[in-house]
């Protein structure tokens, strides 16, 4: 996956260089091209592609904590003195 990201950023960098060095192009246009065609979409895609891994890590952490509570290593949430009592 990272190979595609690096390749796309290279293509966008070359587009930005072409924009900046063109006789009718501007440096501002090159910067906007790089951010709107490159960094913005790539950051969004990498974030969305990493979502399943993040949720799996959260579930694993919760399962490990639950297993430690069942084994008696840490007190259950209702028995912890630092947690506020539930008033419902």
PDB file of N, CA and C in Angstrom:
ATOM      1  N   UNK A   1       0.822  -1.191   0.000  1.00  0.00           N
ATOM      2  CA  UNK A   1       0.000   0.000   0.000  1.00  0.00           C
ATOM      3  C   UNK A   1       0.869   1.259   0.000  1.00  0.00           C
ATOM      4  N   UNK A   2       1.948   1.222   0.768  1.00  0.00           N
ATOM      5  CA  UNK A   2       2.784   2.413   0.857  1.00  0.00           C
ATOM      6  C   UNK A   2       3.510   2.701  -0.453  1.00  0.00           C
ATOM      7  N   UNK A   3       3.732   1.681  -1.266  1.00  0.00           N
ATOM      8  CA  UNK A   3       4.366   1.898  -2.559  1.00  0.00           C
ATOM      9  C   UNK A   3       3.474   2.755  -3.452  1.00  0.00           C
ATOM     10  N   UNK A   4       2.180   2.497  -3.421  1.00  0.00           N
ATOM     11  CA  UNK A   4       1.230   3.294  -4.208  1.00  0.00           C
ATOM     12  C   UNK A   4       1.206   4.732  -3.699  1.00  0.00           C
ATOM     13  N   UNK A   5       1.247   4.914  -2.393  1.00  0.00           N
ATOM     14  CA  UNK A   5       1.249   6.259  -1.804  1.00  0.00           C
ATOM     15  C   UNK A   5       2.496   7.022  -2.233  1.00  0.00           C
ATOM     16  N   UNK A   6       3.644   6.378  -2.145  1.00  0.00           N
ATOM     17  CA  UNK A   6       4.898   7.038  -2.533  1.00  0.00           C
ATOM     18  C   UNK A   6       4.891   7.366  -4.018  1.00  0.00           C
ATOM     19  N   UNK A   7       4.405   6.435  -4.838  1.00  0.00           N
ATOM     20  CA  UNK A   7       4.349   6.682  -6.284  1.00  0.00           C
ATOM     21  C   UNK A   7       3.417   7.846  -6.608  1.00  0.00           C
ATOM     22  N   UNK A   8       2.265   7.895  -5.953  1.00  0.00           N
ATOM     23  CA  UNK A   8       1.322   8.985  -6.226  1.00  0.00           C
ATOM     24  C   UNK A   8       1.910  10.325  -5.797  1.00  0.00           C
ATOM     25  N   UNK A   9       2.569  10.355  -4.649  1.00  0.00           N
ATOM     26  CA  UNK A   9       3.185  11.606  -4.206  1.00  0.00           C
ATOM     27  C   UNK A   9       4.292  12.039  -5.160  1.00  0.00           C
ATOM     28  N   UNK A  10       5.023  11.082  -5.740  1.00  0.00           N
ATOM     29  CA  UNK A  10       6.052  11.421  -6.730  1.00  0.00           C
ATOM     30  C   UNK A  10       5.408  12.037  -7.972  1.00  0.00           C
ATOM     31  N   UNK A  11       4.324  11.430  -8.449  1.00  0.00           N
ATOM     32  CA  UNK A  11       3.629  11.962  -9.628  1.00  0.00           C
ATOM     33  C   UNK A  11       3.134  13.377  -9.350  1.00  0.00           C
ATOM     34  N   UNK A  12       2.559  13.591  -8.192  1.00  0.00           N
ATOM     35  CA  UNK A  12       2.030  14.912  -7.853  1.00  0.00           C
ATOM     36  C   UNK A  12       3.173  15.912  -7.687  1.00  0.00           C
ATOM     37  N   UNK A  13       4.291  15.480  -7.133  1.00  0.00           N
ATOM     38  CA  UNK A  13       5.459  16.359  -7.024  1.00  0.00           C
ATOM     39  C   UNK A  13       5.930  16.790  -8.411  1.00  0.00           C
ATOM     40  N   UNK A  14       5.959  15.861  -9.353  1.00  0.00           N
ATOM     41  CA  UNK A  14       6.355  16.215 -10.721  1.00  0.00           C
ATOM     42  C   UNK A  14       5.335  17.151 -11.373  1.00  0.00           C
ATOM     43  N   UNK A  15       4.052  16.951 -11.077  1.00  0.00           N
ATOM     44  CA  UNK A  15       3.035  17.879 -11.585  1.00  0.00           C
ATOM     45  C   UNK A  15       3.255  19.273 -11.010  1.00  0.00           C
ATOM     46  N   UNK A  16       3.610  19.344  -9.745  1.00  0.00           N
ATOM     47  CA  UNK A  16       3.846  20.635  -9.101  1.00  0.00           C
ATOM     48  C   UNK A  16       5.078  21.319  -9.675  1.00  0.00           C
ATOM     49  N   UNK A  17       6.122  20.543  -9.923  1.00  0.00           N
ATOM     50  CA  UNK A  17       7.334  21.109 -10.529  1.00  0.00           C
ATOM     51  C   UNK A  17       7.020  21.628 -11.923  1.00  0.00           C
ATOM     52  N   UNK A  18       6.242  20.883 -12.686  1.00  0.00           N
ATOM     53  CA  UNK A  18       5.855  21.336 -14.023  1.00  0.00           C
ATOM     54  C   UNK A  18       5.029  22.615 -13.935  1.00  0.00           C
ATOM     55  N   UNK A  19       4.160  22.696 -12.957  1.00  0.00           N
ATOM     56  CA  UNK A  19       3.349  23.905 -12.765  1.00  0.00           C
ATOM     57  C   UNK A  19       4.229  25.095 -12.408  1.00  0.00           C
ATOM     58  N   UNK A  20       5.201  24.883 -11.538  1.00  0.00           N
ATOM     59  CA  UNK A  20       6.046  25.988 -11.081  1.00  0.00           C
ATOM     60  C   UNK A  20       7.005  26.461 -12.164  1.00  0.00           C
ATOM     61  N   UNK A  21       7.483  25.556 -13.015  1.00  0.00           N
ATOM     62  CA  UNK A  21       8.485  25.941 -14.017  1.00  0.00           C
ATOM     63  C   UNK A  21       7.878  26.345 -15.351  1.00  0.00           C
ATOM     64  N   UNK A  22       6.584  26.160 -15.525  1.00  0.00           N
ATOM     65  CA  UNK A  22       5.925  26.564 -16.757  1.00  0.00           C
ATOM     66  C   UNK A  22       5.928  28.084 -16.855  1.00  0.00           C
ATOM     67  N   UNK A  23       5.957  28.605 -18.072  1.00  0.00           N
ATOM     68  CA  UNK A  23       5.998  30.057 -18.241  1.00  0.00           C
ATOM     69  C   UNK A  23       4.713  30.725 -17.753  1.00  0.00           C
ATOM     70  N   UNK A  24       3.596  30.011 -17.809  1.00  0.00           N
ATOM     71  CA  UNK A  24       2.345  30.598 -17.323  1.00  0.00           C
ATOM     72  C   UNK A  24       1.976  30.083 -15.939  1.00  0.00           C
ATOM     73  N   UNK A  25       2.794  29.225 -15.362  1.00  0.00           N
ATOM     74  CA  UNK A  25       2.507  28.664 -14.052  1.00  0.00           C
ATOM     75  C   UNK A  25       3.050  29.552 -12.936  1.00  0.00           C
ATOM     76  N   UNK A  26       2.577  29.314 -11.738  1.00  0.00           N
ATOM     77  CA  UNK A  26       3.026  30.074 -10.579  1.00  0.00           C
ATOM     78  C   UNK A  26       3.439  29.121  -9.464  1.00  0.00           C
ATOM     79  N   UNK A  27       4.199  29.648  -8.533  1.00  0.00           N
ATOM     80  CA  UNK A  27       4.599  28.860  -7.371  1.00  0.00           C
ATOM     81  C   UNK A  27       3.385  28.554  -6.485  1.00  0.00           C
ATOM     82  N   UNK A  28       2.486  29.518  -6.367  1.00  0.00           N
ATOM     83  CA  UNK A  28       1.265  29.286  -5.597  1.00  0.00           C
ATOM     84  C   UNK A  28       0.429  28.169  -6.217  1.00  0.00           C
ATOM     85  N   UNK A  29       0.340  28.153  -7.529  1.00  0.00           N
ATOM     86  CA  UNK A  29      -0.378  27.080  -8.223  1.00  0.00           C
ATOM     87  C   UNK A  29       0.263  25.723  -7.980  1.00  0.00           C
ATOM     88  N   UNK A  30       1.604  25.702  -7.930  1.00  0.00           N
ATOM     89  CA  UNK A  30       2.314  24.451  -7.671  1.00  0.00           C
ATOM     90  C   UNK A  30       2.034  23.959  -6.257  1.00  0.00           C
ATOM     91  N   UNK A  31       2.020  24.860  -5.299  1.00  0.00           N
ATOM     92  CA  UNK A  31       1.751  24.478  -3.907  1.00  0.00           C
ATOM     93  C   UNK A  31       0.320  23.967  -3.767  1.00  0.00           C
ATOM     94  N   UNK A  32      -0.612  24.664  -4.381  1.00  0.00           N
ATOM     95  CA  UNK A  32      -2.011  24.239  -4.323  1.00  0.00           C
ATOM     96  C   UNK A  32      -2.177  22.879  -5.006  1.00  0.00           C
ATOM     97  N   UNK A  33      -1.508  22.690  -6.129  1.00  0.00           N
ATOM     98  CA  UNK A  33      -1.557  21.391  -6.820  1.00  0.00           C
ATOM     99  C   UNK A  33      -1.047  20.285  -5.917  1.00  0.00           C
ATOM    100  N   UNK A  34       0.075  20.531  -5.246  1.00  0.00           N
ATOM    101  CA  UNK A  34       0.655  19.496  -4.389  1.00  0.00           C
ATOM    102  C   UNK A  34      -0.262  19.153  -3.223  1.00  0.00           C
ATOM    103  N   UNK A  35      -0.857  20.153  -2.608  1.00  0.00           N
ATOM    104  CA  UNK A  35      -1.711  19.871  -1.453  1.00  0.00           C
ATOM    105  C   UNK A  35      -3.062  19.281  -1.855  1.00  0.00           C
ATOM    106  N   UNK A  36      -3.682  19.802  -2.911  1.00  0.00           N
ATOM    107  CA  UNK A  36      -5.024  19.339  -3.272  1.00  0.00           C
ATOM    108  C   UNK A  36      -5.025  18.034  -4.059  1.00  0.00           C
ATOM    109  N   UNK A  37      -3.971  17.774  -4.838  1.00  0.00           N
ATOM    110  CA  UNK A  37      -3.900  16.510  -5.579  1.00  0.00           C
ATOM    111  C   UNK A  37      -3.073  15.461  -4.846  1.00  0.00           C
ATOM    112  N   UNK A  38      -2.208  15.890  -3.944  1.00  0.00           N
ATOM    113  CA  UNK A  38      -1.284  14.956  -3.317  1.00  0.00           C
ATOM    114  C   UNK A  38      -1.550  14.693  -1.861  1.00  0.00           C
ATOM    115  N   UNK A  39      -1.180  15.623  -1.007  1.00  0.00           N
ATOM    116  CA  UNK A  39      -1.230  15.372   0.426  1.00  0.00           C
ATOM    117  C   UNK A  39      -2.646  15.168   0.964  1.00  0.00           C
ATOM    118  N   UNK A  40      -3.590  15.946   0.507  1.00  0.00           N
ATOM    119  CA  UNK A  40      -4.961  15.814   1.000  1.00  0.00           C
ATOM    120  C   UNK A  40      -5.559  14.440   0.723  1.00  0.00           C
ATOM    121  N   UNK A  41      -5.635  14.043  -0.540  1.00  0.00           N
ATOM    122  CA  UNK A  41      -6.214  12.724  -0.832  1.00  0.00           C
ATOM    123  C   UNK A  41      -5.414  11.561  -0.249  1.00  0.00           C
ATOM    124  N   UNK A  42      -4.093  11.655  -0.260  1.00  0.00           N
ATOM    125  CA  UNK A  42      -3.272  10.572   0.278  1.00  0.00           C
ATOM    126  C   UNK A  42      -3.491  10.441   1.782  1.00  0.00           C
ATOM    127  N   UNK A  43      -3.553  11.546   2.488  1.00  0.00           N
ATOM    128  CA  UNK A  43      -3.791  11.486   3.932  1.00  0.00           C
ATOM    129  C   UNK A  43      -5.157  10.859   4.218  1.00  0.00           C
ATOM    130  N   UNK A  44      -6.159  11.222   3.452  1.00  0.00           N
ATOM    131  CA  UNK A  44      -7.491  10.653   3.636  1.00  0.00           C
ATOM    132  C   UNK A  44      -7.504   9.150   3.365  1.00  0.00           C
ATOM    133  N   UNK A  45      -6.882   8.726   2.279  1.00  0.00           N
ATOM    134  CA  UNK A  45      -6.858   7.300   1.930  1.00  0.00           C
ATOM    135  C   UNK A  45      -6.092   6.498   2.975  1.00  0.00           C
ATOM    136  N   UNK A  46      -4.944   6.996   3.428  1.00  0.00           N
ATOM    137  CA  UNK A  46      -4.164   6.276   4.439  1.00  0.00           C
ATOM    138  C   UNK A  46      -4.952   6.180   5.746  1.00  0.00           C
ATOM    139  N   UNK A  47      -5.637   7.249   6.122  1.00  0.00           N
ATOM    140  CA  UNK A  47      -6.448   7.225   7.336  1.00  0.00           C
ATOM    141  C   UNK A  47      -7.575   6.204   7.224  1.00  0.00           C
ATOM    142  N   UNK A  48      -8.280   6.198   6.094  1.00  0.00           N
ATOM    143  CA  UNK A  48      -9.398   5.269   5.910  1.00  0.00           C
ATOM    144  C   UNK A  48      -8.920   3.826   5.808  1.00  0.00           C
ATOM    145  N   UNK A  49      -7.782   3.592   5.187  1.00  0.00           N
ATOM    146  CA  UNK A  49      -7.256   2.231   5.072  1.00  0.00           C
ATOM    147  C   UNK A  49      -6.753   1.703   6.413  1.00  0.00           C
ATOM    148  N   UNK A  50      -6.386   2.606   7.323  1.00  0.00           N
ATOM    149  CA  UNK A  50      -5.909   2.181   8.632  1.00  0.00           C
ATOM    150  C   UNK A  50      -7.013   1.986   9.648  1.00  0.00           C
ATOM    151  N   UNK A  51      -8.248   2.320   9.305  1.00  0.00           N
ATOM    152  CA  UNK A  51      -9.366   2.212  10.246  1.00  0.00           C
ATOM    153  C   UNK A  51      -9.601   0.779  10.738  1.00  0.00           C
ATOM    154  N   UNK A  52      -9.592  -0.229   9.883  1.00  0.00           N
ATOM    155  CA  UNK A  52      -9.795  -1.592  10.401  1.00  0.00           C
ATOM    156  C   UNK A  52      -8.705  -2.018  11.384  1.00  0.00           C
ATOM    157  N   UNK A  53      -7.483  -1.644  11.135  1.00  0.00           N
ATOM    158  CA  UNK A  53      -6.397  -2.011  12.045  1.00  0.00           C
ATOM    159  C   UNK A  53      -6.561  -1.314  13.392  1.00  0.00           C
ATOM    160  N   UNK A  54      -6.995  -0.048  13.365  1.00  0.00           N
ATOM    161  CA  UNK A  54      -7.206   0.669  14.622  1.00  0.00           C
ATOM    162  C   UNK A  54      -8.343   0.043  15.420  1.00  0.00           C
ATOM    163  N   UNK A  55      -9.448  -0.306  14.765  1.00  0.00           N
ATOM    164  CA  UNK A  55     -10.569  -0.903  15.500  1.00  0.00           C
ATOM    165  C   UNK A  55     -10.197  -2.285  16.023  1.00  0.00           C
ATOM    166  N   UNK A  56      -9.405  -3.035  15.264  1.00  0.00           N
ATOM    167  CA  UNK A  56      -8.961  -4.347  15.735  1.00  0.00           C
ATOM    168  C   UNK A  56      -8.065  -4.196  16.962  1.00  0.00           C
ATOM    169  N   UNK A  57      -7.199  -3.192  16.976  1.00  0.00           N
ATOM    170  CA  UNK A  57      -6.323  -2.967  18.130  1.00  0.00           C
ATOM    171  C   UNK A  57      -7.134  -2.566  19.360  1.00  0.00           C
ATOM    172  N   UNK A  58      -8.178  -1.761  19.173  1.00  0.00           N
ATOM    173  CA  UNK A  58      -9.026  -1.359  20.293  1.00  0.00           C
ATOM    174  C   UNK A  58      -9.766  -2.571  20.858  1.00  0.00           C
ATOM    175  N   UNK A  59     -10.302  -3.405  19.981  1.00  0.00           N
ATOM    176  CA  UNK A  59     -11.007  -4.607  20.441  1.00  0.00           C
ATOM    177  C   UNK A  59     -10.058  -5.547  21.178  1.00  0.00           C
ATOM    178  N   UNK A  60      -8.837  -5.687  20.667  1.00  0.00           N
ATOM    179  CA  UNK A  60      -7.861  -6.557  21.317  1.00  0.00           C
ATOM    180  C   UNK A  60      -7.492  -6.025  22.694  1.00  0.00           C
ATOM    181  N   UNK A  61      -7.295  -4.708  22.797  1.00  0.00           N
ATOM    182  CA  UNK A  61      -6.963  -4.099  24.086  1.00  0.00           C
ATOM    183  C   UNK A  61      -8.097  -4.289  25.084  1.00  0.00           C
ATOM    184  N   UNK A  62      -9.340  -4.110  24.627  1.00  0.00           N
ATOM    185  CA  UNK A  62     -10.496  -4.307  25.515  1.00  0.00           C
ATOM    186  C   UNK A  62     -10.628  -5.761  25.953  1.00  0.00           C
ATOM    187  N   UNK A  63     -10.373  -6.693  25.024  1.00  0.00           N
ATOM    188  CA  UNK A  63     -10.461  -8.112  25.381  1.00  0.00           C
ATOM    189  C   UNK A  63      -9.378  -8.490  26.384  1.00  0.00           C
ATOM    190  N   UNK A  64      -8.172  -7.952  26.209  1.00  0.00           N
ATOM    191  CA  UNK A  64      -7.098  -8.237  27.159  1.00  0.00           C
ATOM    192  C   UNK A  64      -7.416  -7.671  28.536  1.00  0.00           C
ATOM    193  N   UNK A  65      -7.985  -6.467  28.582  1.00  0.00           N
ATOM    194  CA  UNK A  65      -8.354  -5.861  29.863  1.00  0.00           C
ATOM    195  C   UNK A  65      -9.460  -6.677  30.535  1.00  0.00           C
ATOM    196  N   UNK A  66     -10.429  -7.131  29.743  1.00  0.00           N
ATOM    197  CA  UNK A  66     -11.504  -7.946  30.284  1.00  0.00           C
ATOM    198  C   UNK A  66     -10.958  -9.268  30.829  1.00  0.00           C
ATOM    199  N   UNK A  67      -9.993  -9.859  30.118  1.00  0.00           N
ATOM    200  CA  UNK A  67      -9.396 -11.117  30.579  1.00  0.00           C
ATOM    201  C   UNK A  67      -8.621 -10.902  31.880  1.00  0.00           C
ATOM    202  N   UNK A  68      -7.937  -9.774  32.001  1.00  0.00           N
ATOM    203  CA  UNK A  68      -7.208  -9.483  33.244  1.00  0.00           C
ATOM    204  C   UNK A  68      -8.192  -9.255  34.390  1.00  0.00           C
ATOM    205  N   UNK A  69      -9.329  -8.620  34.118  1.00  0.00           N
ATOM    206  CA  UNK A  69     -10.342  -8.420  35.160  1.00  0.00           C
ATOM    207  C   UNK A  69     -10.902  -9.755  35.623  1.00  0.00           C
ATOM    208  N   UNK A  70     -11.152 -10.656  34.670  1.00  0.00           N
ATOM    209  CA  UNK A  70     -11.687 -11.971  35.024  1.00  0.00           C
ATOM    210  C   UNK A  70     -10.673 -12.780  35.826  1.00  0.00           C
ATOM    211  N   UNK A  71      -9.388 -12.599  35.521  1.00  0.00           N
ATOM    212  CA  UNK A  71      -8.342 -13.338  36.235  1.00  0.00           C
ATOM    213  C   UNK A  71      -8.067 -12.721  37.600  1.00  0.00           C
ATOM    214  N   UNK A  72      -8.607 -11.549  37.852  1.00  0.00           N
ATOM    215  CA  UNK A  72      -8.437 -10.908  39.144  1.00  0.00           C
ATOM    216  C   UNK A  72      -7.175 -10.067  39.254  1.00  0.00           C
ATOM    217  N   UNK A  73      -6.500  -9.823  38.137  1.00  0.00           N
ATOM    218  CA  UNK A  73      -5.279  -9.023  38.173  1.00  0.00           C
ATOM    219  C   UNK A  73      -5.576  -7.556  38.458  1.00  0.00           C
ATOM    220  N   UNK A  74      -6.659  -7.047  37.887  1.00  0.00           N
ATOM    221  CA  UNK A  74      -7.068  -5.663  38.160  1.00  0.00           C
ATOM    222  C   UNK A  74      -8.518  -5.685  38.609  1.00  0.00           C
ATOM    223  N   UNK A  75      -8.911  -4.772  39.460  1.00  0.00           N
ATOM    224  CA  UNK A  75     -10.306  -4.788  39.924  1.00  0.00           C
ATOM    225  C   UNK A  75     -11.273  -4.411  38.807  1.00  0.00           C
ATOM    226  N   UNK A  76     -12.482  -4.909  38.919  1.00  0.00           N
ATOM    227  CA  UNK A  76     -13.525  -4.582  37.955  1.00  0.00           C
ATOM    228  C   UNK A  76     -13.836  -3.095  38.049  1.00  0.00           C
ATOM    229  N   UNK A  77     -14.396  -2.499  37.004  1.00  0.00           N
ATOM    230  CA  UNK A  77     -14.658  -1.058  37.020  1.00  0.00           C
ATOM    231  C   UNK A  77     -15.519  -0.605  38.194  1.00  0.00           C
ATOM    232  N   UNK A  78     -16.491  -1.415  38.621  1.00  0.00           N
ATOM    233  CA  UNK A  78     -17.347  -0.984  39.734  1.00  0.00           C
ATOM    234  C   UNK A  78     -16.621  -1.054  41.068  1.00  0.00           C
ATOM    235  N   UNK A  79     -15.498  -1.759  41.131  1.00  0.00           N
ATOM    236  CA  UNK A  79     -14.768  -1.884  42.388  1.00  0.00           C
ATOM    237  C   UNK A  79     -13.570  -0.931  42.470  1.00  0.00           C
ATOM    238  N   UNK A  80     -13.327  -0.175  41.434  1.00  0.00           N
ATOM    239  CA  UNK A  80     -12.183   0.731  41.437  1.00  0.00           C
ATOM    240  C   UNK A  80     -12.509   1.976  42.255  1.00  0.00           C
ATOM    241  N   UNK A  81     -11.666   2.342  43.212  1.00  0.00           N
ATOM    242  CA  UNK A  81     -11.959   3.517  44.031  1.00  0.00           C
ATOM    243  C   UNK A  81     -11.783   4.840  43.267  1.00  0.00           C
ATOM    244  N   UNK A  82     -11.012   4.847  42.204  1.00  0.00           N
ATOM    245  CA  UNK A  82     -10.786   6.105  41.493  1.00  0.00           C
ATOM    246  C   UNK A  82     -11.880   6.409  40.479  1.00  0.00           C
ATOM    247  N   UNK A  83     -12.792   5.470  40.261  1.00  0.00           N
ATOM    248  CA  UNK A  83     -13.868   5.674  39.296  1.00  0.00           C
ATOM    249  C   UNK A  83     -15.102   6.194  40.037  1.00  0.00           C
ATOM    250  N   UNK A  84     -15.803   7.182  39.464  1.00  0.00           N
ATOM    251  CA  UNK A  84     -17.014   7.669  40.130  1.00  0.00           C
ATOM    252  C   UNK A  84     -18.105   6.606  40.100  1.00  0.00           C
ATOM    253  N   UNK A  85     -18.899   6.582  41.142  1.00  0.00           N
ATOM    254  CA  UNK A  85     -19.988   5.597  41.242  1.00  0.00           C
ATOM    255  C   UNK A  85     -21.093   5.953  40.263  1.00  0.00           C
ATOM    256  N   UNK A  86     -21.736   4.953  39.727  1.00  0.00           N
ATOM    257  CA  UNK A  86     -22.844   5.156  38.816  1.00  0.00           C
ATOM    258  C   UNK A  86     -24.091   5.463  39.628  1.00  0.00           C
ATOM    259  N   UNK A  87     -24.747   6.575  39.330  1.00  0.00           N
ATOM    260  CA  UNK A  87     -25.886   7.020  40.153  1.00  0.00           C
ATOM    261  C   UNK A  87     -27.220   6.654  39.508  1.00  0.00           C
ATOM    262  N   UNK A  88     -27.224   5.750  38.540  1.00  0.00           N
ATOM    263  CA  UNK A  88     -28.497   5.409  37.913  1.00  0.00           C
ATOM    264  C   UNK A  88     -29.117   4.186  38.477  1.00  0.00           C
TER     265      UNK A  88
END
